[in-house]
């Protein structure tokens, strides 16, 4: 009877150990599956981050190129404007100089005309007796 009890105890222990091993194997398989899924998710996330980083980098590069082009365009416009302003100022100064010369000539002609008028009036006054 004692032997039967020991055999029954051993069988129960063996069944308990087998059930524990099966449970642990199932848990291990479950964890392995979850680990594989997590690794897959991590690879996908890493790929997504890399793609997003590349897109942002490309966008920033395009923005830099556009900004530099716009800055260059504005600098060119500013230089053209400054050149135009200088030409306009030079032309205005030249025109002003020309007008000053012309004004001096007109004043000189006016002075000559006034002198001739005064000389003519004086000669008329000497020829014509007072009334």
N, C-alpha and C. Protein backbone atom coordinates (compact mmCIF):
# COMPACT_ATOMS: atom_id res chain seq x y z
N UNK A 1 0.84 -1.18 0.00
CA UNK A 1 0.00 0.00 0.00
C UNK A 1 0.88 1.24 0.00
N UNK A 2 1.94 1.18 0.77
CA UNK A 2 2.83 2.33 0.84
C UNK A 2 3.45 2.60 -0.52
N UNK A 3 3.79 1.55 -1.21
CA UNK A 3 4.37 1.69 -2.53
C UNK A 3 3.36 2.32 -3.48
N UNK A 4 2.13 1.91 -3.37
CA UNK A 4 1.09 2.47 -4.22
C UNK A 4 0.91 3.95 -3.93
N UNK A 5 1.02 4.31 -2.66
CA UNK A 5 0.88 5.72 -2.27
C UNK A 5 2.04 6.52 -2.85
N UNK A 6 3.23 5.92 -2.78
CA UNK A 6 4.40 6.63 -3.32
C UNK A 6 4.28 6.77 -4.84
N UNK A 7 3.86 5.74 -5.49
CA UNK A 7 3.70 5.79 -6.94
C UNK A 7 2.63 6.82 -7.29
N UNK A 8 1.55 6.84 -6.56
CA UNK A 8 0.47 7.80 -6.81
C UNK A 8 0.99 9.20 -6.54
N UNK A 9 1.77 9.40 -5.47
CA UNK A 9 2.35 10.70 -5.15
C UNK A 9 3.31 11.13 -6.24
N UNK A 10 4.13 10.20 -6.70
CA UNK A 10 5.09 10.50 -7.76
C UNK A 10 4.38 10.87 -9.05
N UNK A 11 3.33 10.14 -9.32
CA UNK A 11 2.57 10.41 -10.54
C UNK A 11 1.91 11.77 -10.43
N UNK A 12 1.39 12.12 -9.26
CA UNK A 12 0.75 13.42 -9.06
C UNK A 12 1.79 14.51 -9.18
N UNK A 13 2.97 14.30 -8.59
CA UNK A 13 4.04 15.28 -8.66
C UNK A 13 4.50 15.42 -10.10
N UNK A 14 4.61 14.30 -10.78
CA UNK A 14 5.05 14.31 -12.16
C UNK A 14 4.03 15.05 -13.03
N UNK A 15 2.76 14.83 -12.77
CA UNK A 15 1.70 15.51 -13.51
C UNK A 15 1.75 16.99 -13.20
N UNK A 16 2.00 17.36 -11.97
CA UNK A 16 2.09 18.76 -11.56
C UNK A 16 3.29 19.42 -12.22
N UNK A 17 4.42 18.72 -12.24
CA UNK A 17 5.62 19.26 -12.88
C UNK A 17 5.40 19.39 -14.39
N UNK A 18 4.76 18.39 -14.98
CA UNK A 18 4.49 18.43 -16.42
C UNK A 18 3.58 19.60 -16.73
N UNK A 19 2.60 19.81 -15.92
CA UNK A 19 1.68 20.92 -16.13
C UNK A 19 2.40 22.25 -15.95
N UNK A 20 3.33 22.33 -15.00
CA UNK A 20 4.12 23.55 -14.78
C UNK A 20 5.02 23.80 -15.99
N UNK A 21 5.66 22.75 -16.50
CA UNK A 21 6.54 22.87 -17.66
C UNK A 21 5.73 23.32 -18.87
N UNK A 22 4.57 22.73 -19.05
CA UNK A 22 3.71 23.11 -20.18
C UNK A 22 3.30 24.58 -20.04
N UNK A 23 2.94 24.97 -18.83
CA UNK A 23 2.54 26.35 -18.58
C UNK A 23 3.70 27.30 -18.86
N UNK A 24 4.91 26.94 -18.39
CA UNK A 24 6.09 27.78 -18.62
C UNK A 24 6.43 27.85 -20.11
N UNK A 25 6.32 26.71 -20.81
CA UNK A 25 6.60 26.69 -22.24
C UNK A 25 5.60 27.57 -23.00
N UNK A 26 4.34 27.51 -22.57
CA UNK A 26 3.30 28.33 -23.21
C UNK A 26 3.59 29.81 -22.95
N UNK A 27 3.98 30.14 -21.70
CA UNK A 27 4.31 31.52 -21.33
C UNK A 27 5.52 32.00 -22.13
N UNK A 28 6.53 31.14 -22.26
CA UNK A 28 7.72 31.48 -23.03
C UNK A 28 7.37 31.73 -24.50
N UNK A 29 6.53 30.87 -25.06
CA UNK A 29 6.11 31.03 -26.45
C UNK A 29 5.34 32.33 -26.64
N UNK A 30 4.49 32.64 -25.66
CA UNK A 30 3.71 33.89 -25.71
C UNK A 30 4.64 35.10 -25.64
N UNK A 31 5.59 35.05 -24.75
CA UNK A 31 6.55 36.16 -24.61
C UNK A 31 7.42 36.29 -25.87
N UNK A 32 7.81 35.16 -26.44
CA UNK A 32 8.61 35.18 -27.66
C UNK A 32 7.82 35.83 -28.79
N UNK A 33 6.55 35.51 -28.88
CA UNK A 33 5.67 36.10 -29.90
C UNK A 33 5.54 37.60 -29.68
N UNK A 34 5.33 38.00 -28.42
CA UNK A 34 5.19 39.43 -28.11
C UNK A 34 6.50 40.17 -28.38
N UNK A 35 7.63 39.53 -28.08
CA UNK A 35 8.93 40.13 -28.35
C UNK A 35 9.13 40.31 -29.84
N UNK A 36 8.75 39.32 -30.63
CA UNK A 36 8.88 39.42 -32.09
C UNK A 36 8.02 40.55 -32.63
N UNK A 37 6.79 40.69 -32.08
CA UNK A 37 5.90 41.78 -32.50
C UNK A 37 6.49 43.13 -32.10
N UNK A 38 7.03 43.21 -30.90
CA UNK A 38 7.63 44.46 -30.44
C UNK A 38 8.83 44.83 -31.30
N UNK A 39 9.65 43.85 -31.66
CA UNK A 39 10.81 44.11 -32.53
C UNK A 39 10.35 44.57 -33.91
N UNK A 40 9.29 43.96 -34.41
CA UNK A 40 8.75 44.37 -35.70
C UNK A 40 8.24 45.81 -35.63
N UNK A 41 7.51 46.12 -34.55
CA UNK A 41 7.01 47.49 -34.36
C UNK A 41 8.17 48.48 -34.27
N UNK A 42 9.22 48.08 -33.57
CA UNK A 42 10.39 48.95 -33.42
C UNK A 42 11.05 49.19 -34.77
N UNK A 43 11.18 48.15 -35.60
CA UNK A 43 11.76 48.31 -36.93
C UNK A 43 10.91 49.26 -37.77
N UNK A 44 9.58 49.08 -37.70
CA UNK A 44 8.69 49.96 -38.46
C UNK A 44 8.80 51.41 -37.98
N UNK A 45 8.85 51.58 -36.66
CA UNK A 45 8.97 52.94 -36.11
C UNK A 45 10.29 53.57 -36.51
N UNK A 46 11.36 52.79 -36.47
CA UNK A 46 12.68 53.29 -36.87
C UNK A 46 12.67 53.70 -38.34
N UNK A 47 12.06 52.88 -39.17
CA UNK A 47 11.96 53.20 -40.60
C UNK A 47 11.13 54.45 -40.81
N UNK A 48 10.04 54.58 -40.05
CA UNK A 48 9.18 55.77 -40.18
C UNK A 48 9.93 57.03 -39.75
N UNK A 49 10.67 56.93 -38.66
CA UNK A 49 11.44 58.09 -38.18
C UNK A 49 12.50 58.46 -39.21
N UNK A 50 13.17 57.48 -39.77
CA UNK A 50 14.19 57.75 -40.79
C UNK A 50 13.57 58.43 -42.00
N UNK A 51 12.41 57.92 -42.44
CA UNK A 51 11.73 58.51 -43.60
C UNK A 51 11.30 59.94 -43.29
N UNK A 52 10.74 60.15 -42.11
CA UNK A 52 10.31 61.49 -41.71
C UNK A 52 11.50 62.44 -41.61
N UNK A 53 12.59 61.96 -41.05
CA UNK A 53 13.81 62.77 -40.94
C UNK A 53 14.31 63.16 -42.32
N UNK A 54 14.26 62.23 -43.25
CA UNK A 54 14.70 62.52 -44.62
C UNK A 54 13.79 63.56 -45.27
N UNK A 55 12.48 63.39 -45.08
CA UNK A 55 11.54 64.36 -45.65
C UNK A 55 11.76 65.76 -45.08
N UNK A 56 11.93 65.83 -43.75
CA UNK A 56 12.16 67.13 -43.11
C UNK A 56 13.46 67.74 -43.63
N UNK A 57 14.49 66.92 -43.76
CA UNK A 57 15.77 67.40 -44.26
C UNK A 57 15.64 67.93 -45.68
N UNK A 58 14.92 67.20 -46.52
CA UNK A 58 14.70 67.64 -47.90
C UNK A 58 13.89 68.93 -47.94
N UNK A 59 12.86 69.01 -47.10
CA UNK A 59 12.04 70.23 -47.04
C UNK A 59 12.88 71.41 -46.60
N UNK A 60 13.71 71.21 -45.56
CA UNK A 60 14.58 72.28 -45.08
C UNK A 60 15.57 72.71 -46.16
N UNK A 61 16.10 71.74 -46.88
CA UNK A 61 17.05 72.05 -47.96
C UNK A 61 16.35 72.87 -49.05
N UNK A 62 15.14 72.46 -49.42
CA UNK A 62 14.38 73.23 -50.43
C UNK A 62 14.09 74.64 -49.93
N UNK A 63 13.72 74.74 -48.66
CA UNK A 63 13.42 76.06 -48.08
C UNK A 63 14.68 76.93 -48.07
N UNK A 64 15.83 76.33 -47.75
CA UNK A 64 17.09 77.08 -47.75
C UNK A 64 17.41 77.58 -49.15
N UNK A 65 17.26 76.70 -50.14
CA UNK A 65 17.54 77.08 -51.53
C UNK A 65 16.60 78.21 -51.95
N UNK A 66 15.32 78.08 -51.62
CA UNK A 66 14.34 79.11 -51.99
C UNK A 66 14.67 80.43 -51.29
N UNK A 67 15.04 80.36 -50.01
CA UNK A 67 15.37 81.57 -49.24
C UNK A 67 16.61 82.25 -49.83
N UNK A 68 17.63 81.47 -50.15
CA UNK A 68 18.85 82.04 -50.73
C UNK A 68 18.53 82.67 -52.09
N UNK A 69 17.71 81.99 -52.89
CA UNK A 69 17.33 82.53 -54.20
C UNK A 69 16.57 83.85 -54.02
N UNK A 70 15.65 83.89 -53.06
CA UNK A 70 14.87 85.11 -52.80
C UNK A 70 15.79 86.23 -52.31
N UNK A 71 16.72 85.88 -51.41
CA UNK A 71 17.67 86.89 -50.92
C UNK A 71 18.51 87.43 -52.06
N UNK A 72 18.98 86.53 -52.93
CA UNK A 72 19.77 86.97 -54.08
C UNK A 72 18.95 87.87 -55.00
N UNK A 73 17.68 87.51 -55.19
CA UNK A 73 16.80 88.32 -56.02
C UNK A 73 16.61 89.71 -55.41
N UNK A 74 16.41 89.75 -54.09
CA UNK A 74 16.22 91.04 -53.42
C UNK A 74 17.50 91.88 -53.48
N UNK A 75 18.65 91.23 -53.31
CA UNK A 75 19.92 91.95 -53.41
C UNK A 75 20.09 92.53 -54.81
N UNK A 76 19.76 91.73 -55.82
CA UNK A 76 19.86 92.20 -57.20
C UNK A 76 18.92 93.38 -57.44
N UNK A 77 17.70 93.29 -56.91
CA UNK A 77 16.75 94.40 -57.06
C UNK A 77 17.26 95.65 -56.35
N UNK A 78 17.83 95.46 -55.17
CA UNK A 78 18.36 96.60 -54.41
C UNK A 78 19.52 97.24 -55.17
N UNK A 79 20.41 96.42 -55.71
CA UNK A 79 21.53 96.96 -56.49
C UNK A 79 21.03 97.70 -57.72
N UNK A 80 20.05 97.13 -58.39
CA UNK A 80 19.48 97.79 -59.57
C UNK A 80 18.83 99.11 -59.18
N UNK A 81 18.14 99.11 -58.05
CA UNK A 81 17.49 100.32 -57.57
C UNK A 81 18.53 101.38 -57.22
N UNK A 82 19.60 100.96 -56.55
CA UNK A 82 20.66 101.91 -56.19
C UNK A 82 21.32 102.47 -57.44
N UNK A 83 21.56 101.61 -58.44
CA UNK A 83 22.16 102.07 -59.70
C UNK A 83 21.23 103.07 -60.39
N UNK A 84 19.93 102.74 -60.41
CA UNK A 84 18.95 103.64 -61.02
C UNK A 84 18.90 104.97 -60.27
N UNK A 85 18.93 104.92 -58.94
CA UNK A 85 18.90 106.16 -58.14
C UNK A 85 20.15 106.99 -58.43
N UNK A 86 21.31 106.35 -58.54
CA UNK A 86 22.54 107.09 -58.83
C UNK A 86 22.47 107.74 -60.21
N UNK A 87 21.99 106.96 -61.20
CA UNK A 87 21.85 107.53 -62.55
C UNK A 87 20.87 108.70 -62.54
N UNK A 88 19.77 108.54 -61.82
CA UNK A 88 18.77 109.60 -61.75
C UNK A 88 19.36 110.83 -61.06
N UNK A 89 20.10 110.61 -59.96
CA UNK A 89 20.73 111.74 -59.25
C UNK A 89 21.77 112.41 -60.14
N UNK A 90 22.58 111.61 -60.83
CA UNK A 90 23.59 112.18 -61.74
C UNK A 90 22.91 112.98 -62.85
N UNK A 91 21.83 112.44 -63.40
CA UNK A 91 21.10 113.13 -64.46
C UNK A 91 20.49 114.43 -63.92
N UNK A 92 19.96 114.37 -62.70
CA UNK A 92 19.37 115.57 -62.11
C UNK A 92 20.44 116.62 -61.87
N UNK A 93 21.62 116.20 -61.39
CA UNK A 93 22.71 117.14 -61.17
C UNK A 93 23.18 117.75 -62.48
N UNK A 94 23.28 116.89 -63.52
CA UNK A 94 23.68 117.39 -64.83
C UNK A 94 22.65 118.38 -65.36
N UNK A 95 21.38 118.03 -65.22
CA UNK A 95 20.30 118.92 -65.67
C UNK A 95 20.32 120.22 -64.89
N UNK A 96 20.53 120.12 -63.57
CA UNK A 96 20.61 121.32 -62.74
C UNK A 96 21.78 122.21 -63.18
N UNK A 97 22.92 121.56 -63.45
CA UNK A 97 24.08 122.33 -63.93
C UNK A 97 23.76 123.02 -65.25
N UNK A 98 23.12 122.29 -66.14
CA UNK A 98 22.72 122.87 -67.44
C UNK A 98 21.76 124.04 -67.25
N UNK A 99 20.80 123.87 -66.33
CA UNK A 99 19.83 124.95 -66.08
C UNK A 99 20.52 126.17 -65.46
N UNK A 100 21.51 125.93 -64.59
CA UNK A 100 22.25 127.05 -63.98
C UNK A 100 23.02 127.82 -65.07
N UNK A 101 23.66 127.08 -65.97
CA UNK A 101 24.38 127.73 -67.08
C UNK A 101 23.40 128.52 -67.93
N UNK A 102 22.27 127.89 -68.25
CA UNK A 102 21.25 128.56 -69.07
C UNK A 102 20.72 129.80 -68.37
N UNK A 103 20.49 129.70 -67.05
CA UNK A 103 20.00 130.84 -66.28
C UNK A 103 21.03 131.98 -66.30
N UNK A 104 22.31 131.62 -66.14
CA UNK A 104 23.36 132.64 -66.18
C UNK A 104 23.38 133.32 -67.55
N UNK A 105 23.23 132.55 -68.62
CA UNK A 105 23.20 133.12 -69.97
C UNK A 105 22.00 134.04 -70.15
N UNK A 106 20.85 133.60 -69.64
CA UNK A 106 19.64 134.42 -69.74
C UNK A 106 19.83 135.71 -68.96
N UNK A 107 20.40 135.63 -67.75
CA UNK A 107 20.63 136.84 -66.95
C UNK A 107 21.62 137.76 -67.66
N UNK A 108 22.65 137.16 -68.29
CA UNK A 108 23.61 137.97 -69.02
C UNK A 108 22.94 138.65 -70.20
N UNK A 109 22.10 137.91 -70.94
CA UNK A 109 21.36 138.51 -72.07
C UNK A 109 20.43 139.61 -71.57
N UNK A 110 19.80 139.35 -70.43
CA UNK A 110 18.89 140.35 -69.84
C UNK A 110 19.69 141.60 -69.48
N UNK A 111 20.87 141.42 -68.89
CA UNK A 111 21.70 142.57 -68.51
C UNK A 111 22.13 143.33 -69.76
N UNK A 112 22.52 142.62 -70.82
CA UNK A 112 22.89 143.30 -72.08
C UNK A 112 21.69 144.03 -72.67
N UNK A 113 20.54 143.38 -72.64
CA UNK A 113 19.33 144.01 -73.18
C UNK A 113 18.98 145.25 -72.37
N UNK A 114 19.11 145.16 -71.06
CA UNK A 114 18.81 146.31 -70.19
C UNK A 114 19.81 147.43 -70.47
N UNK A 115 21.08 147.08 -70.64
CA UNK A 115 22.09 148.10 -70.94
C UNK A 115 21.81 148.76 -72.28
N UNK A 116 21.44 147.97 -73.30
CA UNK A 116 21.11 148.54 -74.61
C UNK A 116 19.87 149.43 -74.52
N UNK A 117 18.89 148.98 -73.72
CA UNK A 117 17.67 149.78 -73.53
C UNK A 117 18.01 151.11 -72.87
N UNK A 118 18.85 151.03 -71.86
CA UNK A 118 19.22 152.27 -71.16
C UNK A 118 20.03 153.18 -72.09
N UNK A 119 20.91 152.59 -72.89
CA UNK A 119 21.69 153.38 -73.85
C UNK A 119 20.77 153.99 -74.89
N UNK A 120 19.79 153.22 -75.35
CA UNK A 120 18.84 153.72 -76.34
C UNK A 120 18.01 154.84 -75.75
N UNK A 121 17.55 154.68 -74.53
CA UNK A 121 16.75 155.71 -73.86
C UNK A 121 17.60 156.97 -73.67
N UNK A 122 18.87 156.80 -73.35
CA UNK A 122 19.76 157.95 -73.15
C UNK A 122 19.98 158.67 -74.48
N UNK A 123 20.16 157.89 -75.56
CA UNK A 123 20.39 158.54 -76.85
C UNK A 123 19.12 159.22 -77.33
N UNK A 124 17.96 158.65 -77.03
CA UNK A 124 16.68 159.26 -77.41
C UNK A 124 16.52 160.54 -76.62
N UNK A 125 16.88 160.50 -75.34
CA UNK A 125 16.73 161.68 -74.48
C UNK A 125 17.66 162.80 -74.95
N UNK A 126 18.77 162.49 -75.51
CA UNK A 126 19.69 163.53 -75.98
C UNK A 126 19.24 164.10 -77.32
N UNK A 127 18.58 163.33 -78.11
CA UNK A 127 18.15 163.77 -79.42
C UNK A 127 16.82 164.53 -79.32
N UNK A 128 15.96 164.14 -78.48
CA UNK A 128 14.64 164.74 -78.38
C UNK A 128 14.69 165.82 -77.28
N UNK A 129 14.32 167.09 -77.64
CA UNK A 129 14.28 168.13 -76.61
C UNK A 129 13.07 167.95 -75.71
N UNK A 130 13.19 168.34 -74.47
CA UNK A 130 12.04 168.20 -73.56
C UNK A 130 10.91 169.12 -73.99
N UNK A 131 9.72 168.86 -73.79
CA UNK A 131 8.58 169.69 -74.25
C UNK A 131 8.39 170.94 -73.45
